[in-house]
């Protein structure tokens, strides 16, 4: 499905507030959602000796996508542990698989966060990760569980970048 967006859902609950917020953001757009609870992604390893998992397949989808949304609840002022592990593996690509890691350059990443706080602290960490990878950081679409998005202009831009579902023929 080349051309569809990609979302990485890193929550301790597959059907929790962050998943609901992601569904609101996507609003019927074509997007492959990878729930980190449902896929196999080995933790970062300094030796770069990874057992076979789903990570590289997901990276290839990210490379083909017009935009990737990283959706995480804010846990103790930062991203979830599963999201942190995924981001660590992404940054490791520049060492373990340089050619593949370089294909991330110029890609567009956005952060989607949910919490009771009005402004998450994790934005700086995510923005710096994007800088390290050479990725365009689009911004953070933050909201409380069922509240309005803090940056509706970013939400509109993300929806423009994600292809809409085509209507089925009658």
C-alpha atoms as a PDB file:
ATOM      1  CA  UNK A   1       0.000   0.000   0.000  1.00  0.00           C
ATOM      2  CA  UNK A   2       2.659   2.519  -0.970  1.00  0.00           C
ATOM      3  CA  UNK A   3       1.517   6.076  -0.497  1.00  0.00           C
ATOM      4  CA  UNK A   4      -0.573   5.406   2.604  1.00  0.00           C
ATOM      5  CA  UNK A   5       0.480   7.059   5.800  1.00  0.00           C
ATOM      6  CA  UNK A   6       2.030   5.209   8.714  1.00  0.00           C
ATOM      7  CA  UNK A   7       1.258   5.542  12.401  1.00  0.00           C
ATOM      8  CA  UNK A   8       3.204   3.952  15.215  1.00  0.00           C
ATOM      9  CA  UNK A   9       1.009   3.459  18.277  1.00  0.00           C
ATOM     10  CA  UNK A  10       3.070   3.136  21.444  1.00  0.00           C
ATOM     11  CA  UNK A  11       0.624   2.752  24.292  1.00  0.00           C
ATOM     12  CA  UNK A  12       0.135   0.218  27.062  1.00  0.00           C
ATOM     13  CA  UNK A  13      -3.488  -0.082  25.873  1.00  0.00           C
ATOM     14  CA  UNK A  14      -4.304  -0.817  22.224  1.00  0.00           C
ATOM     15  CA  UNK A  15      -7.765   0.699  22.621  1.00  0.00           C
ATOM     16  CA  UNK A  16      -6.979   3.468  25.095  1.00  0.00           C
ATOM     17  CA  UNK A  17      -7.079   7.256  24.905  1.00  0.00           C
ATOM     18  CA  UNK A  18      -4.101   7.517  22.563  1.00  0.00           C
ATOM     19  CA  UNK A  19      -5.625   5.075  20.058  1.00  0.00           C
ATOM     20  CA  UNK A  20      -8.894   7.040  20.156  1.00  0.00           C
ATOM     21  CA  UNK A  21      -6.983  10.280  19.640  1.00  0.00           C
ATOM     22  CA  UNK A  22      -5.118   8.731  16.699  1.00  0.00           C
ATOM     23  CA  UNK A  23      -8.425   7.661  15.124  1.00  0.00           C
ATOM     24  CA  UNK A  24      -9.709  11.232  15.500  1.00  0.00           C
ATOM     25  CA  UNK A  25      -6.559  12.606  13.891  1.00  0.00           C
ATOM     26  CA  UNK A  26      -6.713  10.177  10.968  1.00  0.00           C
ATOM     27  CA  UNK A  27     -10.422  10.865  10.408  1.00  0.00           C
ATOM     28  CA  UNK A  28     -10.853   8.319   7.608  1.00  0.00           C
ATOM     29  CA  UNK A  29      -7.431   8.780   6.009  1.00  0.00           C
ATOM     30  CA  UNK A  30      -5.515   5.787   4.656  1.00  0.00           C
ATOM     31  CA  UNK A  31      -2.901   4.959   7.230  1.00  0.00           C
ATOM     32  CA  UNK A  32      -1.281   1.713   8.303  1.00  0.00           C
ATOM     33  CA  UNK A  33      -1.243   1.654  12.104  1.00  0.00           C
ATOM     34  CA  UNK A  34       1.465  -0.419  13.757  1.00  0.00           C
ATOM     35  CA  UNK A  35       0.520  -1.098  17.370  1.00  0.00           C
ATOM     36  CA  UNK A  36       3.746  -1.757  19.260  1.00  0.00           C
ATOM     37  CA  UNK A  37       1.829  -4.194  21.472  1.00  0.00           C
ATOM     38  CA  UNK A  38       0.953  -6.293  18.413  1.00  0.00           C
ATOM     39  CA  UNK A  39       4.225  -6.270  16.458  1.00  0.00           C
ATOM     40  CA  UNK A  40       7.614  -7.687  17.402  1.00  0.00           C
ATOM     41  CA  UNK A  41      10.304  -5.058  17.848  1.00  0.00           C
ATOM     42  CA  UNK A  42      13.407  -6.142  19.724  1.00  0.00           C
ATOM     43  CA  UNK A  43      14.833  -3.629  22.185  1.00  0.00           C
ATOM     44  CA  UNK A  44      17.889  -1.590  21.269  1.00  0.00           C
ATOM     45  CA  UNK A  45      21.118  -3.562  21.583  1.00  0.00           C
ATOM     46  CA  UNK A  46      24.571  -1.956  21.541  1.00  0.00           C
ATOM     47  CA  UNK A  47      25.922  -5.060  19.807  1.00  0.00           C
ATOM     48  CA  UNK A  48      23.379  -4.508  16.986  1.00  0.00           C
ATOM     49  CA  UNK A  49      22.660  -8.237  16.980  1.00  0.00           C
ATOM     50  CA  UNK A  50      18.896  -8.356  16.571  1.00  0.00           C
ATOM     51  CA  UNK A  51      16.762 -11.456  16.332  1.00  0.00           C
ATOM     52  CA  UNK A  52      14.327 -11.429  13.405  1.00  0.00           C
ATOM     53  CA  UNK A  53      11.431  -9.093  14.170  1.00  0.00           C
ATOM     54  CA  UNK A  54       9.021  -6.706  12.408  1.00  0.00           C
ATOM     55  CA  UNK A  55      11.152  -3.595  12.788  1.00  0.00           C
ATOM     56  CA  UNK A  56      12.786  -3.475   9.334  1.00  0.00           C
ATOM     57  CA  UNK A  57       9.457  -4.143   7.588  1.00  0.00           C
ATOM     58  CA  UNK A  58       7.971  -1.190   9.448  1.00  0.00           C
ATOM     59  CA  UNK A  59      10.954   0.989   8.508  1.00  0.00           C
ATOM     60  CA  UNK A  60      10.429   0.173   4.826  1.00  0.00           C
ATOM     61  CA  UNK A  61       6.777   1.244   5.187  1.00  0.00           C
ATOM     62  CA  UNK A  62       7.898   4.486   6.862  1.00  0.00           C
ATOM     63  CA  UNK A  63      10.253   5.187   3.958  1.00  0.00           C
ATOM     64  CA  UNK A  64       7.407   4.709   1.459  1.00  0.00           C
ATOM     65  CA  UNK A  65       4.901   6.825   3.408  1.00  0.00           C
ATOM     66  CA  UNK A  66       4.168  10.528   2.864  1.00  0.00           C
ATOM     67  CA  UNK A  67       4.103  11.052   6.635  1.00  0.00           C
ATOM     68  CA  UNK A  68       4.582   9.015   9.817  1.00  0.00           C
ATOM     69  CA  UNK A  69       2.727   9.800  13.018  1.00  0.00           C
ATOM     70  CA  UNK A  70       4.223   8.604  16.309  1.00  0.00           C
ATOM     71  CA  UNK A  71       1.340   8.296  18.774  1.00  0.00           C
ATOM     72  CA  UNK A  72       2.154   7.993  22.458  1.00  0.00           C
ATOM     73  CA  UNK A  73       0.636   8.812  25.790  1.00  0.00           C
ATOM     74  CA  UNK A  74       2.807  10.958  28.007  1.00  0.00           C
ATOM     75  CA  UNK A  75       4.162   8.771  30.811  1.00  0.00           C
ATOM     76  CA  UNK A  76       6.211  10.524  33.470  1.00  0.00           C
ATOM     77  CA  UNK A  77       6.788  13.534  31.205  1.00  0.00           C
ATOM     78  CA  UNK A  78       8.035  11.575  28.213  1.00  0.00           C
ATOM     79  CA  UNK A  79       7.014   9.006  25.618  1.00  0.00           C
ATOM     80  CA  UNK A  80       6.002   5.472  26.538  1.00  0.00           C
ATOM     81  CA  UNK A  81       8.679   2.823  27.024  1.00  0.00           C
ATOM     82  CA  UNK A  82       7.583   0.973  23.882  1.00  0.00           C
ATOM     83  CA  UNK A  83       7.809   4.166  21.810  1.00  0.00           C
ATOM     84  CA  UNK A  84      11.207   5.006  23.302  1.00  0.00           C
ATOM     85  CA  UNK A  85      12.439   1.545  22.336  1.00  0.00           C
ATOM     86  CA  UNK A  86      11.171   2.005  18.783  1.00  0.00           C
ATOM     87  CA  UNK A  87      12.797   5.437  18.488  1.00  0.00           C
ATOM     88  CA  UNK A  88      16.055   3.998  19.848  1.00  0.00           C
ATOM     89  CA  UNK A  89      15.989   1.367  17.112  1.00  0.00           C
ATOM     90  CA  UNK A  90      15.375   4.076  14.488  1.00  0.00           C
ATOM     91  CA  UNK A  91      18.408   6.036  15.640  1.00  0.00           C
ATOM     92  CA  UNK A  92      20.448   2.821  15.648  1.00  0.00           C
ATOM     93  CA  UNK A  93      19.820   2.451  11.896  1.00  0.00           C
ATOM     94  CA  UNK A  94      22.434   5.108  11.206  1.00  0.00           C
ATOM     95  CA  UNK A  95      24.994   2.711  12.663  1.00  0.00           C
ATOM     96  CA  UNK A  96      23.605  -0.792  12.079  1.00  0.00           C
ATOM     97  CA  UNK A  97      22.085  -0.276   8.607  1.00  0.00           C
ATOM     98  CA  UNK A  98      23.480   3.007   7.316  1.00  0.00           C
ATOM     99  CA  UNK A  99      21.995   2.844   3.822  1.00  0.00           C
ATOM    100  CA  UNK A 100      18.524   2.112   5.154  1.00  0.00           C
ATOM    101  CA  UNK A 101      18.890   4.737   7.887  1.00  0.00           C
ATOM    102  CA  UNK A 102      19.893   7.353   5.327  1.00  0.00           C
ATOM    103  CA  UNK A 103      16.654   6.693   3.437  1.00  0.00           C
ATOM    104  CA  UNK A 104      14.829   8.301   6.351  1.00  0.00           C
ATOM    105  CA  UNK A 105      16.386  11.681   5.499  1.00  0.00           C
ATOM    106  CA  UNK A 106      13.771  14.121   4.314  1.00  0.00           C
ATOM    107  CA  UNK A 107      10.868  11.992   5.559  1.00  0.00           C
ATOM    108  CA  UNK A 108       8.120  13.734   7.526  1.00  0.00           C
ATOM    109  CA  UNK A 109       7.438  12.774  11.141  1.00  0.00           C
ATOM    110  CA  UNK A 110       4.798  14.119  13.486  1.00  0.00           C
ATOM    111  CA  UNK A 111       4.208  13.431  17.133  1.00  0.00           C
ATOM    112  CA  UNK A 112       0.755  12.747  18.557  1.00  0.00           C
ATOM    113  CA  UNK A 113       0.610  12.814  22.330  1.00  0.00           C
ATOM    114  CA  UNK A 114      -2.146  12.472  24.862  1.00  0.00           C
ATOM    115  CA  UNK A 115      -2.113  13.469  28.505  1.00  0.00           C
ATOM    116  CA  UNK A 116      -3.865  15.596  31.064  1.00  0.00           C
ATOM    117  CA  UNK A 117      -1.102  18.180  30.805  1.00  0.00           C
ATOM    118  CA  UNK A 118      -1.569  21.084  28.379  1.00  0.00           C
ATOM    119  CA  UNK A 119       1.934  20.906  26.850  1.00  0.00           C
ATOM    120  CA  UNK A 120       4.061  17.764  26.870  1.00  0.00           C
ATOM    121  CA  UNK A 121       7.754  17.852  27.772  1.00  0.00           C
ATOM    122  CA  UNK A 122       8.609  15.089  25.299  1.00  0.00           C
ATOM    123  CA  UNK A 123       8.489  17.400  22.262  1.00  0.00           C
ATOM    124  CA  UNK A 124      12.129  18.464  22.626  1.00  0.00           C
ATOM    125  CA  UNK A 125      13.327  14.852  22.748  1.00  0.00           C
ATOM    126  CA  UNK A 126      11.320  13.903  19.652  1.00  0.00           C
ATOM    127  CA  UNK A 127      12.363  17.030  17.711  1.00  0.00           C
ATOM    128  CA  UNK A 128      16.047  16.349  18.470  1.00  0.00           C
ATOM    129  CA  UNK A 129      15.653  12.744  17.343  1.00  0.00           C
ATOM    130  CA  UNK A 130      14.229  14.001  14.059  1.00  0.00           C
ATOM    131  CA  UNK A 131      17.194  16.355  13.659  1.00  0.00           C
ATOM    132  CA  UNK A 132      19.608  13.481  14.278  1.00  0.00           C
ATOM    133  CA  UNK A 133      17.863  11.335  11.650  1.00  0.00           C
ATOM    134  CA  UNK A 134      17.597  14.172   9.110  1.00  0.00           C
ATOM    135  CA  UNK A 135      13.808  13.944   9.256  1.00  0.00           C
ATOM    136  CA  UNK A 136      11.427  16.878   8.888  1.00  0.00           C
ATOM    137  CA  UNK A 137       9.650  17.366  12.216  1.00  0.00           C
ATOM    138  CA  UNK A 138       6.139  18.595  11.474  1.00  0.00           C
ATOM    139  CA  UNK A 139       5.047  19.266  15.044  1.00  0.00           C
ATOM    140  CA  UNK A 140       3.102  17.805  17.930  1.00  0.00           C
ATOM    141  CA  UNK A 141      -0.632  17.225  17.765  1.00  0.00           C
ATOM    142  CA  UNK A 142      -1.418  17.096  21.471  1.00  0.00           C
ATOM    143  CA  UNK A 143      -4.753  16.687  23.213  1.00  0.00           C
ATOM    144  CA  UNK A 144      -6.324  15.442  26.366  1.00  0.00           C
ATOM    145  CA  UNK A 145      -8.217  12.179  25.888  1.00  0.00           C
ATOM    146  CA  UNK A 146     -11.342  13.624  24.279  1.00  0.00           C
ATOM    147  CA  UNK A 147     -10.413  17.300  24.215  1.00  0.00           C
ATOM    148  CA  UNK A 148      -9.556  19.506  21.261  1.00  0.00           C
ATOM    149  CA  UNK A 149      -6.176  19.315  19.581  1.00  0.00           C
ATOM    150  CA  UNK A 150      -3.765  21.996  20.829  1.00  0.00           C
ATOM    151  CA  UNK A 151      -2.622  22.710  17.240  1.00  0.00           C
ATOM    152  CA  UNK A 152      -5.574  22.384  14.827  1.00  0.00           C
ATOM    153  CA  UNK A 153      -3.454  23.794  11.967  1.00  0.00           C
ATOM    154  CA  UNK A 154      -1.013  20.880  12.313  1.00  0.00           C
ATOM    155  CA  UNK A 155      -3.905  18.418  12.364  1.00  0.00           C
ATOM    156  CA  UNK A 156      -5.255  19.949   9.139  1.00  0.00           C
ATOM    157  CA  UNK A 157      -1.806  19.734   7.515  1.00  0.00           C
ATOM    158  CA  UNK A 158      -1.395  16.078   8.520  1.00  0.00           C
ATOM    159  CA  UNK A 159      -4.816  15.257   7.097  1.00  0.00           C
ATOM    160  CA  UNK A 160      -3.790  16.919   3.820  1.00  0.00           C
ATOM    161  CA  UNK A 161      -0.642  14.761   3.676  1.00  0.00           C
ATOM    162  CA  UNK A 162      -2.557  11.526   4.315  1.00  0.00           C
ATOM    163  CA  UNK A 163      -4.553  10.136   1.393  1.00  0.00           C
ATOM    164  CA  UNK A 164      -8.320   9.883   1.947  1.00  0.00           C
ATOM    165  CA  UNK A 165     -10.111   6.562   1.670  1.00  0.00           C
ATOM    166  CA  UNK A 166     -11.733   6.239  -1.741  1.00  0.00           C
ATOM    167  CA  UNK A 167     -15.445   5.629  -1.765  1.00  0.00           C
ATOM    168  CA  UNK A 168     -16.483   2.173  -2.824  1.00  0.00           C
ATOM    169  CA  UNK A 169     -18.405   1.995  -6.135  1.00  0.00           C
ATOM    170  CA  UNK A 170     -22.159   1.806  -5.703  1.00  0.00           C
END
